[in-house]
Amino acid sequence: MREHGGTGSGGRRGQAERDAITVEIGYALCSAAFAAAVVFGAVAGPALLFALPGAVETVLVRGGGVPGVLFAVRTVSVLVRFRRAAQPSQPGRTSPDS
């Protein structure tokens, strides 16, 4: 019998599922990086464009770095979601006819 993907045969993924995962991970990386850049620009932009007092400038630039952490959290959450989806709950062992 030919296998056409899915996780029904020993937990292996088909090409379509692997492609979908690749696209989803790429989208997560790009969207998170874009969102981080926009938020960084909005928060730290005034500190980089205008002459502000030292403490205010430091707070704005460091506060603008927070999106970098959010970028990492978004990327890890997508990777963990696909890792969980790749591990079915012991197929074949829980059915009565195994």
Protein backbone atom coordinates (compact mmCIF):
# COMPACT_ATOMS: atom_id res chain seq x y z
CA MET A 1 0.00 0.00 0.00
CA ARG A 2 1.17 3.50 -0.73
CA GLU A 3 1.26 6.07 2.04
CA HIS A 4 -0.17 9.48 1.23
CA GLY A 5 0.84 11.40 4.33
CA GLY A 6 -0.81 12.06 7.62
CA THR A 7 0.33 10.63 10.92
CA GLY A 8 -1.57 7.37 10.66
CA SER A 9 1.47 5.26 9.71
CA GLY A 10 3.94 5.17 12.57
CA GLY A 11 3.81 8.90 13.26
CA ARG A 12 5.46 9.89 9.97
CA ARG A 13 4.35 13.09 8.32
CA GLY A 14 3.40 13.42 4.69
CA GLN A 15 4.93 16.01 2.39
CA ALA A 16 1.85 18.24 2.49
CA GLU A 17 1.90 18.33 6.29
CA ARG A 18 5.63 19.09 6.37
CA ASP A 19 5.10 21.89 3.85
CA ALA A 20 2.27 23.34 5.94
CA ILE A 21 4.46 23.28 9.05
CA THR A 22 7.30 24.98 7.18
CA VAL A 23 4.98 27.72 5.97
CA GLU A 24 3.50 28.21 9.44
CA ILE A 25 6.92 28.46 11.08
CA GLY A 26 8.11 30.88 8.40
CA TYR A 27 5.00 32.99 8.90
CA ALA A 28 5.52 33.01 12.67
CA LEU A 29 9.13 34.14 12.26
CA CYS A 30 8.33 36.87 9.74
CA SER A 31 5.25 38.20 11.50
CA ALA A 32 6.94 38.25 14.89
CA ALA A 33 10.04 39.97 13.50
CA PHE A 34 7.89 42.57 11.73
CA ALA A 35 5.80 43.22 14.84
CA ALA A 36 8.95 43.51 16.98
CA ALA A 37 10.47 46.01 14.56
CA VAL A 38 7.31 48.13 14.44
CA VAL A 39 6.95 48.21 18.23
CA PHE A 40 10.66 48.92 18.69
CA GLY A 41 10.39 51.82 16.24
CA ALA A 42 7.31 53.20 17.98
CA VAL A 43 8.81 52.99 21.47
CA ALA A 44 12.50 53.71 20.90
CA GLY A 45 12.08 55.92 17.82
CA PRO A 46 11.63 59.18 19.70
CA ALA A 47 14.76 58.48 21.74
CA LEU A 48 16.74 57.88 18.57
CA LEU A 49 15.37 60.92 16.70
CA PHE A 50 15.25 63.59 19.39
CA ALA A 51 17.67 64.78 22.04
CA LEU A 52 16.03 63.57 25.25
CA PRO A 53 17.38 63.43 28.81
CA GLY A 54 19.66 60.43 29.42
CA ALA A 55 17.31 58.52 31.71
CA VAL A 56 14.33 58.90 29.39
CA GLU A 57 16.38 57.84 26.39
CA THR A 58 17.65 54.75 28.23
CA VAL A 59 14.16 53.73 29.32
CA LEU A 60 12.75 54.13 25.82
CA VAL A 61 15.54 52.18 24.13
CA ARG A 62 15.42 49.36 26.68
CA GLY A 63 11.62 49.34 26.57
CA GLY A 64 11.86 49.03 22.82
CA GLY A 65 13.90 45.86 23.33
CA VAL A 66 10.93 44.10 24.91
CA PRO A 67 9.56 43.12 21.47
CA GLY A 68 12.70 41.04 20.98
CA VAL A 69 11.60 38.89 23.89
CA LEU A 70 8.08 38.72 22.49
CA PHE A 71 9.56 37.67 19.14
CA ALA A 72 11.31 34.75 20.83
CA VAL A 73 8.16 33.75 22.76
CA ARG A 74 6.05 33.79 19.58
CA THR A 75 8.56 31.67 17.68
CA VAL A 76 8.95 29.13 20.49
CA SER A 77 5.18 28.85 20.92
CA VAL A 78 4.77 27.93 17.24
CA LEU A 79 7.59 25.38 17.42
CA VAL A 80 6.17 23.78 20.57
CA ARG A 81 2.70 23.59 19.05
CA PHE A 82 4.00 21.62 16.08
CA ARG A 83 6.13 19.39 18.27
CA ARG A 84 3.04 18.42 20.29
CA ALA A 85 1.07 17.78 17.10
CA ALA A 86 3.82 15.46 15.87
CA GLN A 87 3.45 13.08 18.78
CA PRO A 88 0.11 11.28 18.68
CA SER A 89 -0.95 9.57 21.87
CA GLN A 90 0.45 6.11 21.16
CA PRO A 91 -1.56 5.12 18.12
CA GLY A 92 -2.45 1.45 17.94
CA ARG A 93 -1.72 0.72 21.59
CA THR A 94 -4.89 2.19 23.00
CA SER A 95 -7.34 0.46 20.66
CA PRO A 96 -8.89 -2.83 21.80
CA ASP A 97 -7.70 -4.76 18.74
CA SER A 98 -3.99 -4.04 19.20
